Amino acid sequence: MLKFVFPASLRVLAVIMAFSVFSAILLGLYLIAGTGLHLPSKELLAIVAAAVLLLLARRALPLFRTGIDKFFDTRHLWACAVMVGLFVRLATWQLTAPVVQINDGLQYLELAKRLYGQQGYELQGFAFWPPGTPFVYTAFMWMVGQPAWISVFVNCTFFMLTCCALRSICRSLQLTPRDAGLTVVILAIWPALFLTSPQVSKETLLVGLLPTIMALLLVRRPWASLVAGCVSGLAILTQPSLMLLPLFLLASLWAARIPVKTIALRMVLLFAGAVLVIAPWSYRNYLVMGEFVPVSTNAGLVLHAGNQPAMVKPLGEVGGFLEPAAPATALKNDAALSRWHKEEALRFILANKGDFVKLVWNRLVVTMGDDSDSAYRNLRLTNKVSDKVYLLAKAGSNGWWMILAALLAATCWSLRGTSAAHALAPLTVLAAGVTLYLMAAHGVAEGGGRHHMAWSWLYALILAAGLTRIGSDRVDASER
């Protein structure tokens, strides 16, 4: 069955990344049209431009393979890439000083300060904000206090955690040290990842937590799977939509050809570790609200915010988060308020199916086509730079994502029939599954470029390892 699933995952991932290329171009065309330039048939222009870019990427793959062989074959590549990544993040901090927290980051930092000061966890409700990010920042406050640069310290620490986890994954999957080093090179200079270095960002934490989970699961010791479960619990407390993560990890372990009994043991330990971390918080929620709330109560508001009449706009006018109307009378707690918002959102969806389809399309385009959320939060909302500099940062971020997505699409499509890429099966099966899931989740609720950031390490690893295998093996007979 794996002989079918692995090529299928490569095809699915190639199609998703091709859609990302199309979406990035389409968003760029709408941005250009916003300056006053008339561009008819933007969707058709985006399809043509995406097809051309994907064709160029496909033909450029041998050149990239040659360049990698020539310039990136060094024993010290991983360490050098880590140093470059840290330097770029610290330089971003200095060039965009002072540190200013905004939006979600400001709320998470305030909650961390309350926990550090032994105050109650209550901001917009008892459990509105997922507690994972405040927990992490509180732990760091116990180590370094509350300096203005704590976000930089946390983000650099998690960047190094990402790099170590990726090296461990490559060893477990018998990938080369160069694959690990090249992956870190991509992450080190990824604009969306280093531009967010001064910001309190849960996505940056997830970029460290998620590969750590996979690295621990691939270790051949039971205790590692239990620790992976604990890290999974923290990841779920950071991003509640990751509750289905174990299902995708199960598929990844199966694709790694691990025996069924071993997979079963690791998944049991993973589940046990996750429960150990999440259960105390769920019990706390039950004590303060009198009902079962596993992690947070913000899901209803997020769903309502994305599905309301004010959000039905053309793609070029899609903006940020828009607070929906509140109930006429106050409800007993934030859990009840979340249910009310969910009911309002479902009422809108059922009564406006055509508008809902348009909203889903807009959110999918933004989620998979935009990669400039970090530039928006660190540069635009804080008013640190001029509009021209911000637009250049935005264009650079989206341009990087567009080129990376095009290369990843071309690489996956080229490798779909080669036996040389079988080592990538656990990665591509995981990537295809989680990306489809995040598209489904954020297509229905809240779209945004930051939502695919958490899986940037996975896309980078597949691209880095895939490029080194282009043309290195024959096509399987079944694919001829």
Protein backbone atom coordinates (compact mmCIF):
# COMPACT_ATOMS: atom_id res chain seq x y z
CA MET A 1 0.00 0.00 0.00
CA LEU A 2 2.90 2.35 0.71
CA LYS A 3 3.91 2.07 -2.96
CA PHE A 4 0.64 3.85 -3.73
CA VAL A 5 0.49 6.25 -0.76
CA PHE A 6 4.00 7.65 -1.14
CA PRO A 7 3.70 8.74 -4.81
CA ALA A 8 0.18 10.00 -4.02
CA SER A 9 1.52 12.17 -1.18
CA LEU A 10 4.14 13.62 -3.53
CA ARG A 11 1.47 14.45 -6.10
CA VAL A 12 -0.82 16.00 -3.49
CA LEU A 13 1.99 18.12 -2.07
CA ALA A 14 3.02 19.19 -5.57
CA VAL A 15 -0.55 20.31 -6.36
CA ILE A 16 -0.84 22.18 -3.04
CA MET A 17 2.41 24.04 -3.64
CA ALA A 18 1.36 24.83 -7.21
CA PHE A 19 -1.81 26.35 -5.73
CA SER A 20 0.40 28.36 -3.36
CA VAL A 21 2.33 29.74 -6.33
CA PHE A 22 -0.92 30.70 -8.05
CA SER A 23 -2.23 32.30 -4.85
CA ALA A 24 0.94 34.31 -4.26
CA ILE A 25 0.82 35.67 -7.80
CA LEU A 26 -2.90 36.43 -7.54
CA LEU A 27 -2.42 38.37 -4.30
CA GLY A 28 0.42 40.28 -5.94
CA LEU A 29 -1.81 41.20 -8.87
CA TYR A 30 -4.51 42.47 -6.53
CA LEU A 31 -1.88 44.52 -4.68
CA ILE A 32 -0.71 46.06 -7.96
CA ALA A 33 -4.31 46.74 -8.97
CA GLY A 34 -4.76 48.55 -5.66
CA THR A 35 -2.26 51.19 -6.83
CA GLY A 36 -4.60 52.16 -9.65
CA LEU A 37 -3.31 49.96 -12.48
CA HIS A 38 -6.16 48.21 -14.28
CA LEU A 39 -5.55 44.47 -14.61
CA PRO A 40 -8.39 42.50 -16.20
CA SER A 41 -8.83 38.77 -15.61
CA LYS A 42 -6.45 38.60 -12.67
CA GLU A 43 -7.21 34.93 -12.03
CA LEU A 44 -6.38 34.02 -15.64
CA LEU A 45 -3.17 36.04 -15.52
CA ALA A 46 -2.24 34.30 -12.27
CA ILE A 47 -2.83 30.85 -13.79
CA VAL A 48 -0.64 31.64 -16.80
CA ALA A 49 2.11 33.20 -14.68
CA ALA A 50 2.04 30.28 -12.22
CA ALA A 51 2.28 27.76 -15.06
CA VAL A 52 5.29 29.58 -16.50
CA LEU A 53 7.01 29.81 -13.12
CA LEU A 54 6.40 26.13 -12.37
CA LEU A 55 7.81 25.17 -15.79
CA LEU A 56 10.90 27.30 -15.17
CA ALA A 57 11.30 25.74 -11.72
CA ARG A 58 11.07 22.25 -13.20
CA ARG A 59 13.76 23.02 -15.74
CA ALA A 60 15.96 24.72 -13.14
CA LEU A 61 16.08 21.69 -10.84
CA PRO A 62 19.26 20.21 -12.38
CA LEU A 63 20.97 23.59 -11.93
CA PHE A 64 20.00 23.67 -8.27
CA ARG A 65 21.28 20.12 -7.86
CA THR A 66 24.61 21.11 -9.43
CA GLY A 67 24.85 24.21 -7.27
CA ILE A 68 24.15 22.24 -4.11
CA ASP A 69 26.82 19.68 -4.99
CA LYS A 70 29.31 22.48 -5.65
CA PHE A 71 28.70 24.90 -2.79
CA PHE A 72 27.01 22.98 0.02
CA ASP A 73 29.11 19.86 0.46
CA THR A 74 30.80 20.72 3.74
CA ARG A 75 31.01 19.08 7.15
CA HIS A 76 30.33 22.38 8.86
CA LEU A 77 27.27 23.39 6.86
CA TRP A 78 24.78 22.77 9.69
CA ALA A 79 26.77 24.73 12.28
CA CYS A 80 27.42 27.60 9.87
CA ALA A 81 23.72 27.75 8.95
CA VAL A 82 22.75 27.91 12.64
CA MET A 83 25.15 30.81 13.18
CA VAL A 84 23.79 32.63 10.13
CA GLY A 85 20.23 32.14 11.36
CA LEU A 86 21.06 33.53 14.79
CA PHE A 87 22.92 36.47 13.28
CA VAL A 88 20.03 37.34 10.96
CA ARG A 89 17.54 37.21 13.84
CA LEU A 90 19.67 39.35 16.11
CA ALA A 91 20.29 41.81 13.27
CA THR A 92 16.55 42.02 12.63
CA TRP A 93 16.03 42.80 16.31
CA GLN A 94 18.59 45.60 16.24
CA LEU A 95 17.45 47.07 12.93
CA THR A 96 13.79 47.14 14.00
CA ALA A 97 14.36 48.27 17.62
CA PRO A 98 12.69 49.09 19.91
CA VAL A 99 10.73 45.91 20.58
CA VAL A 100 6.99 46.63 20.41
CA GLN A 101 4.41 43.90 21.00
CA ILE A 102 1.04 44.14 19.26
CA ASN A 103 -2.18 42.16 18.82
CA ASP A 104 -2.01 38.51 19.94
CA GLY A 105 1.61 38.78 21.04
CA LEU A 106 0.76 41.59 23.43
CA GLN A 107 -2.02 39.52 25.01
CA TYR A 108 0.18 36.43 25.38
CA LEU A 109 2.95 38.48 27.00
CA GLU A 110 0.49 40.09 29.43
CA LEU A 111 -0.80 36.67 30.44
CA ALA A 112 2.76 35.44 30.94
CA LYS A 113 3.44 38.43 33.19
CA ARG A 114 0.31 37.65 35.20
CA LEU A 115 1.39 34.04 35.65
CA TYR A 116 4.90 35.15 36.60
CA GLY A 117 3.38 37.50 39.16
CA GLN A 118 1.19 34.65 40.45
CA GLN A 119 -2.00 36.37 39.31
CA GLY A 120 -5.01 34.67 37.78
CA TYR A 121 -5.05 33.54 34.15
CA GLU A 122 -7.86 35.81 33.01
CA LEU A 123 -7.82 38.09 29.99
CA GLN A 124 -10.98 38.30 27.86
CA GLY A 125 -12.17 35.28 29.82
CA PHE A 126 -10.83 32.42 31.91
CA ALA A 127 -9.58 30.38 28.96
CA PHE A 128 -10.00 32.54 25.87
CA TRP A 129 -6.31 32.54 24.97
CA PRO A 130 -4.56 29.16 24.57
CA PRO A 131 -2.08 28.96 27.45
CA GLY A 132 0.90 27.34 25.71
CA THR A 133 2.66 30.56 24.68
CA PRO A 134 2.19 32.25 28.08
CA PHE A 135 3.48 29.05 29.78
CA VAL A 136 6.66 29.13 27.67
CA TYR A 137 7.26 32.83 28.31
CA THR A 138 6.60 32.43 32.02
CA ALA A 139 9.26 29.70 32.15
CA PHE A 140 11.76 32.00 30.45
CA MET A 141 10.83 34.83 32.83
CA TRP A 142 11.85 32.60 35.74
CA MET A 143 15.27 32.38 34.08
CA VAL A 144 15.93 35.92 32.81
CA GLY A 145 13.22 38.12 34.33
CA GLN A 146 11.18 40.47 32.15
CA PRO A 147 13.61 42.29 29.83
CA ALA A 148 12.26 43.92 26.68
CA TRP A 149 14.33 41.48 24.60
CA ILE A 150 12.79 38.32 26.08
CA SER A 151 10.93 37.59 22.82
CA VAL A 152 14.22 37.66 20.90
CA PHE A 153 15.79 35.28 23.42
CA VAL A 154 12.82 32.88 23.23
CA ASN A 155 12.67 32.93 19.44
CA CYS A 156 16.42 32.36 19.04
CA THR A 157 16.28 29.50 21.54
CA PHE A 158 13.45 27.85 19.63
CA PHE A 159 15.30 28.37 16.35
CA MET A 160 18.21 26.38 17.78
CA LEU A 161 15.74 23.75 19.02
CA THR A 162 14.39 23.49 15.46
CA CYS A 163 17.89 23.04 14.05
CA CYS A 164 18.78 20.29 16.55
CA ALA A 165 15.51 18.48 15.93
CA LEU A 166 16.03 18.56 12.17
CA ARG A 167 19.50 17.07 12.49
CA SER A 168 18.05 14.28 14.64
CA ILE A 169 15.26 13.61 12.12
CA CYS A 170 17.78 13.37 9.29
CA ARG A 171 19.85 10.85 11.26
CA SER A 172 16.82 8.73 12.09
CA LEU A 173 15.60 8.68 8.48
CA GLN A 174 19.13 8.05 7.18
CA LEU A 175 19.27 11.35 5.35
CA THR A 176 22.63 13.03 4.93
CA PRO A 177 24.17 15.73 7.16
CA ARG A 178 24.07 17.97 4.10
CA ASP A 179 20.27 17.57 3.98
CA ALA A 180 20.08 18.82 7.57
CA GLY A 181 22.46 21.69 6.88
CA LEU A 182 20.71 22.79 3.71
CA THR A 183 17.36 22.70 5.51
CA VAL A 184 18.70 25.02 8.20
CA VAL A 185 20.08 27.33 5.49
CA ILE A 186 16.58 27.68 4.06
CA LEU A 187 15.06 28.34 7.49
CA ALA A 188 17.85 30.72 8.51
CA ILE A 189 17.11 33.17 5.71
CA TRP A 190 13.34 32.62 5.47
CA PRO A 191 11.92 36.18 5.80
CA ALA A 192 8.72 35.21 7.63
CA LEU A 193 10.76 33.37 10.25
CA PHE A 194 13.44 35.97 10.99
CA LEU A 195 11.22 39.05 10.69
CA THR A 196 9.15 37.77 13.59
CA SER A 197 12.18 37.42 15.89
CA PRO A 198 11.30 40.51 18.04
CA GLN A 199 7.65 39.48 18.33
CA VAL A 200 5.89 37.18 20.77
CA SER A 201 4.71 34.58 18.27
CA LYS A 202 3.15 31.18 18.88
CA GLU A 203 4.02 30.17 15.31
CA THR A 204 7.73 30.55 16.09
CA LEU A 205 7.29 28.26 19.09
CA LEU A 206 5.50 25.67 16.96
CA VAL A 207 8.34 25.69 14.42
CA GLY A 208 10.48 24.40 17.29
CA LEU A 209 7.97 22.11 18.99
CA LEU A 210 6.67 20.20 15.96
CA PRO A 211 9.98 18.88 14.59
CA THR A 212 11.01 18.05 18.17
CA ILE A 213 7.94 15.82 18.48
CA MET A 214 8.81 13.97 15.30
CA ALA A 215 12.48 13.69 16.22
CA LEU A 216 11.60 12.12 19.58
CA LEU A 217 9.08 9.71 18.01
CA LEU A 218 11.76 8.42 15.66
CA VAL A 219 14.13 7.64 18.55
CA ARG A 220 14.20 3.91 19.34
CA ARG A 221 13.55 4.25 23.05
CA PRO A 222 10.14 4.23 24.80
CA TRP A 223 10.96 7.18 27.05
CA ALA A 224 11.47 9.37 23.97
CA SER A 225 7.89 8.75 22.81
CA LEU A 226 6.59 9.71 26.25
CA VAL A 227 8.57 12.95 26.09
CA ALA A 228 7.25 13.48 22.55
CA GLY A 229 3.76 13.21 24.02
CA CYS A 230 4.55 15.87 26.62
CA VAL A 231 5.87 18.17 23.89
CA SER A 232 2.72 17.40 21.87
CA GLY A 233 0.64 18.45 24.84
CA LEU A 234 2.48 21.78 24.98
CA ALA A 235 2.01 22.21 21.22
CA ILE A 236 -1.73 21.58 21.58
CA LEU A 237 -1.94 24.05 24.45
CA THR A 238 -0.20 26.51 22.11
CA GLN A 239 -2.39 25.75 19.07
CA PRO A 240 -5.58 23.80 19.95
CA SER A 241 -6.25 22.81 16.32
CA LEU A 242 -3.28 20.41 16.66
CA MET A 243 -5.42 17.95 18.65
CA LEU A 244 -5.54 15.76 15.54
CA LEU A 245 -1.75 15.83 15.19
CA PRO A 246 -1.31 12.24 16.53
CA LEU A 247 -3.28 10.89 13.55
CA PHE A 248 -0.85 12.47 11.10
CA LEU A 249 2.14 11.34 13.14
CA LEU A 250 0.72 7.81 13.08
CA ALA A 251 0.62 7.92 9.27
CA SER A 252 4.18 9.26 9.21
CA LEU A 253 5.49 6.41 11.39
CA TRP A 254 3.71 3.90 9.19
CA ALA A 255 5.34 5.45 6.12
CA ALA A 256 8.70 5.03 7.86
CA ARG A 257 8.10 1.23 7.73
CA ILE A 258 8.21 0.90 11.50
CA PRO A 259 6.63 -2.36 12.77
CA VAL A 260 2.98 -2.10 13.79
CA LYS A 261 3.61 -3.15 17.40
CA THR A 262 6.32 -0.53 17.77
CA ILE A 263 4.03 2.14 16.30
CA ALA A 264 1.25 1.13 18.68
CA LEU A 265 3.55 1.40 21.70
CA ARG A 266 4.88 4.79 20.61
CA MET A 267 1.39 6.17 20.00
CA VAL A 268 0.15 4.96 23.40
CA LEU A 269 3.09 6.68 25.07
CA LEU A 270 2.53 9.79 22.93
CA PHE A 271 -1.10 9.95 23.98
CA ALA A 272 -0.18 9.39 27.64
CA GLY A 273 2.38 12.19 27.57
CA ALA A 274 -0.06 14.59 25.92
CA VAL A 275 -2.76 13.80 28.49
CA LEU A 276 -0.28 14.39 31.33
CA VAL A 277 0.31 17.92 30.07
CA ILE A 278 -3.21 18.88 28.92
CA ALA A 279 -5.33 17.27 31.66
CA PRO A 280 -4.35 19.64 34.50
CA TRP A 281 -5.34 22.63 32.37
CA SER A 282 -8.63 20.99 31.33
CA TYR A 283 -9.36 20.27 34.99
CA ARG A 284 -8.60 23.87 35.89
CA ASN A 285 -11.08 25.02 33.21
CA TYR A 286 -13.72 22.72 34.66
CA LEU A 287 -13.18 24.16 38.13
CA VAL A 288 -13.52 27.79 37.04
CA MET A 289 -16.28 27.36 34.44
CA GLY A 290 -18.14 24.28 35.56
CA GLU A 291 -17.90 22.53 32.20
CA PHE A 292 -15.39 20.61 30.10
CA VAL A 293 -13.14 22.93 28.08
CA PRO A 294 -10.04 21.03 26.88
CA VAL A 295 -7.86 24.04 26.04
CA SER A 296 -9.40 27.37 25.05
CA THR A 297 -12.65 29.17 24.27
CA ASN A 298 -11.58 31.35 21.35
CA ALA A 299 -12.80 29.00 18.60
CA GLY A 300 -16.32 30.40 18.51
CA LEU A 301 -15.17 34.01 18.17
CA VAL A 302 -12.65 33.13 15.47
CA LEU A 303 -15.30 31.24 13.50
CA HIS A 304 -17.78 34.11 13.84
CA ALA A 305 -15.18 36.75 12.94
CA GLY A 306 -14.46 34.99 9.68
CA ASN A 307 -18.08 34.29 8.82
CA GLN A 308 -20.13 37.45 9.09
CA PRO A 309 -21.63 39.86 6.53
CA ALA A 310 -18.83 42.42 6.96
CA MET A 311 -16.26 39.88 5.74
CA VAL A 312 -17.95 39.31 2.36
CA LYS A 313 -15.61 41.38 0.20
CA PRO A 314 -13.64 40.96 -3.02
CA LEU A 315 -10.26 39.34 -2.53
CA GLY A 316 -8.41 42.62 -2.97
CA GLU A 317 -10.28 44.16 -0.03
CA VAL A 318 -9.73 41.31 2.42
CA GLY A 319 -8.24 42.73 5.61
CA GLY A 320 -7.28 41.50 9.04
CA PHE A 321 -9.33 40.31 11.99
CA LEU A 322 -12.71 42.04 12.33
CA GLU A 323 -14.40 41.80 15.73
CA PRO A 324 -17.96 40.42 15.31
CA ALA A 325 -21.01 41.76 17.13
CA ALA A 326 -21.39 40.75 20.78
CA PRO A 327 -24.57 39.30 22.30
CA ALA A 328 -27.14 41.78 23.58
CA THR A 329 -26.87 40.45 27.13
CA ALA A 330 -23.77 39.31 28.96
CA LEU A 331 -23.28 35.55 29.25
CA LYS A 332 -22.04 33.70 32.32
CA ASN A 333 -18.51 32.97 31.05
CA ASP A 334 -16.33 32.81 27.97
CA ALA A 335 -17.30 29.18 27.25
CA ALA A 336 -20.94 30.23 26.88
CA LEU A 337 -19.84 33.21 24.81
CA SER A 338 -17.86 30.93 22.51
CA ARG A 339 -20.94 28.75 21.93
CA TRP A 340 -23.01 31.85 21.11
CA HIS A 341 -20.45 33.02 18.54
CA LYS A 342 -20.33 29.54 17.01
CA GLU A 343 -24.12 29.47 16.67
CA GLU A 344 -24.11 32.90 15.02
CA ALA A 345 -21.41 31.81 12.58
CA LEU A 346 -23.28 28.63 11.65
CA ARG A 347 -26.46 30.63 11.19
CA PHE A 348 -24.67 32.93 8.76
CA ILE A 349 -23.09 30.01 6.87
CA LEU A 350 -26.38 28.13 6.43
CA ALA A 351 -28.21 31.28 5.33
CA ASN A 352 -25.48 32.48 2.96
CA LYS A 353 -23.95 29.42 1.32
CA GLY A 354 -22.76 31.31 -1.76
CA ASP A 355 -21.01 33.97 0.30
CA PHE A 356 -19.49 31.27 2.48
CA VAL A 357 -17.96 29.60 -0.58
CA LYS A 358 -16.42 32.95 -1.58
CA LEU A 359 -15.05 33.41 1.92
CA VAL A 360 -13.51 29.93 1.90
CA TRP A 361 -11.84 30.66 -1.44
CA ASN A 362 -10.47 33.99 -0.20
CA ARG A 363 -9.14 32.41 2.98
CA LEU A 364 -7.46 29.56 1.09
CA VAL A 365 -5.74 32.00 -1.27
CA VAL A 366 -4.51 34.13 1.62
CA THR A 367 -3.46 31.18 3.79
CA MET A 368 -1.42 29.47 1.08
CA GLY A 369 -0.38 32.51 -0.98
CA ASP A 370 0.68 35.07 1.61
CA ASP A 371 3.85 34.80 3.70
CA SER A 372 4.18 38.42 4.82
CA ASP A 373 2.36 38.31 8.16
CA SER A 374 5.62 38.74 10.07
CA ALA A 375 6.50 41.84 8.05
CA TYR A 376 3.01 43.19 8.70
CA ARG A 377 3.20 42.65 12.45
CA ASN A 378 6.81 43.70 13.05
CA LEU A 379 7.05 46.57 10.56
CA ARG A 380 3.62 47.88 9.57
CA LEU A 381 1.51 47.65 12.74
CA THR A 382 4.35 49.04 14.84
CA ASN A 383 4.96 51.94 12.40
CA LYS A 384 8.70 51.29 12.45
CA VAL A 385 9.31 51.83 8.74
CA SER A 386 7.89 53.77 5.82
CA ASP A 387 5.23 52.32 3.55
CA LYS A 388 7.83 51.81 0.82
CA VAL A 389 10.12 49.78 3.08
CA TYR A 390 7.18 47.73 4.33
CA LEU A 391 6.02 46.98 0.78
CA LEU A 392 9.55 45.88 -0.12
CA ALA A 393 9.59 43.57 2.91
CA LYS A 394 6.16 42.24 1.99
CA ALA A 395 7.20 41.64 -1.63
CA GLY A 396 10.42 39.95 -0.49
CA SER A 397 8.57 37.66 1.92
CA ASN A 398 5.96 36.61 -0.61
CA GLY A 399 8.56 36.32 -3.38
CA TRP A 400 10.62 33.94 -1.23
CA TRP A 401 7.56 31.81 -0.47
CA MET A 402 6.48 31.78 -4.13
CA ILE A 403 9.89 30.60 -5.36
CA LEU A 404 10.22 28.04 -2.57
CA ALA A 405 6.72 26.70 -3.27
CA ALA A 406 7.47 26.48 -7.00
CA LEU A 407 10.68 24.55 -6.38
CA LEU A 408 8.95 22.26 -3.90
CA ALA A 409 6.11 21.58 -6.35
CA ALA A 410 8.57 20.80 -9.14
CA THR A 411 10.72 18.64 -6.87
CA CYS A 412 7.81 16.57 -5.56
CA TRP A 413 6.46 16.05 -9.06
CA SER A 414 9.88 14.97 -10.36
CA LEU A 415 10.41 12.52 -7.49
CA ARG A 416 7.01 10.85 -7.62
CA GLY A 417 8.30 7.82 -9.52
CA THR A 418 11.82 7.42 -8.14
CA SER A 419 12.99 4.93 -5.57
CA ALA A 420 15.72 7.35 -4.45
CA ALA A 421 13.11 9.40 -2.62
CA HIS A 422 11.65 6.56 -0.51
CA ALA A 423 13.48 7.90 2.53
CA LEU A 424 11.26 10.98 2.26
CA ALA A 425 8.02 8.99 2.58
CA PRO A 426 7.46 9.80 6.30
CA LEU A 427 7.98 13.50 5.55
CA THR A 428 5.79 13.76 2.45
CA VAL A 429 2.95 11.73 3.95
CA LEU A 430 3.00 14.00 7.01
CA ALA A 431 3.28 17.18 4.92
CA ALA A 432 0.43 16.28 2.56
CA GLY A 433 -1.87 15.34 5.45
CA VAL A 434 -1.23 18.31 7.72
CA THR A 435 -1.35 20.83 4.86
CA LEU A 436 -4.71 19.56 3.66
CA TYR A 437 -5.91 19.71 7.24
CA LEU A 438 -4.74 23.27 7.83
CA MET A 439 -6.33 24.34 4.54
CA ALA A 440 -9.62 22.79 5.63
CA ALA A 441 -9.48 24.29 9.12
CA HIS A 442 -8.46 27.78 8.09
CA GLY A 443 -10.61 27.77 4.98
CA VAL A 444 -13.64 27.46 7.26
CA ALA A 445 -12.54 29.72 10.09
CA GLU A 446 -9.67 32.21 9.89
CA GLY A 447 -7.21 32.52 7.02
CA GLY A 448 -3.77 34.09 7.13
CA GLY A 449 -0.21 33.58 6.01
CA ARG A 450 1.04 32.81 9.52
CA HIS A 451 -0.96 29.57 9.65
CA HIS A 452 1.40 27.64 7.38
CA MET A 453 4.49 28.97 9.20
CA ALA A 454 4.37 26.18 11.76
CA TRP A 455 5.16 23.65 9.04
CA SER A 456 7.93 25.65 7.34
CA TRP A 457 10.53 23.22 8.75
CA LEU A 458 8.80 20.32 7.01
CA TYR A 459 8.58 22.06 3.63
CA ALA A 460 12.23 23.11 3.90
CA LEU A 461 13.37 19.59 4.80
CA ILE A 462 11.50 17.97 1.92
CA LEU A 463 12.85 20.55 -0.52
CA ALA A 464 16.43 20.27 0.72
CA ALA A 465 16.45 16.46 0.72
CA GLY A 466 14.47 16.26 -2.52
CA LEU A 467 16.76 18.57 -4.49
CA THR A 468 19.78 16.43 -3.67
CA ARG A 469 17.99 13.39 -5.10
CA ILE A 470 16.85 14.86 -8.41
CA GLY A 471 18.19 12.69 -11.21
CA SER A 472 20.01 10.35 -8.82
CA ASP A 473 17.89 7.28 -9.47
CA ARG A 474 15.85 5.68 -12.18
CA VAL A 475 12.08 5.90 -12.40
CA ASP A 476 10.26 2.92 -10.95
CA ALA A 477 8.82 0.56 -13.52
CA SER A 478 5.32 1.16 -12.18
CA GLU A 479 5.62 4.85 -13.10
CA ARG A 480 6.96 4.41 -16.62
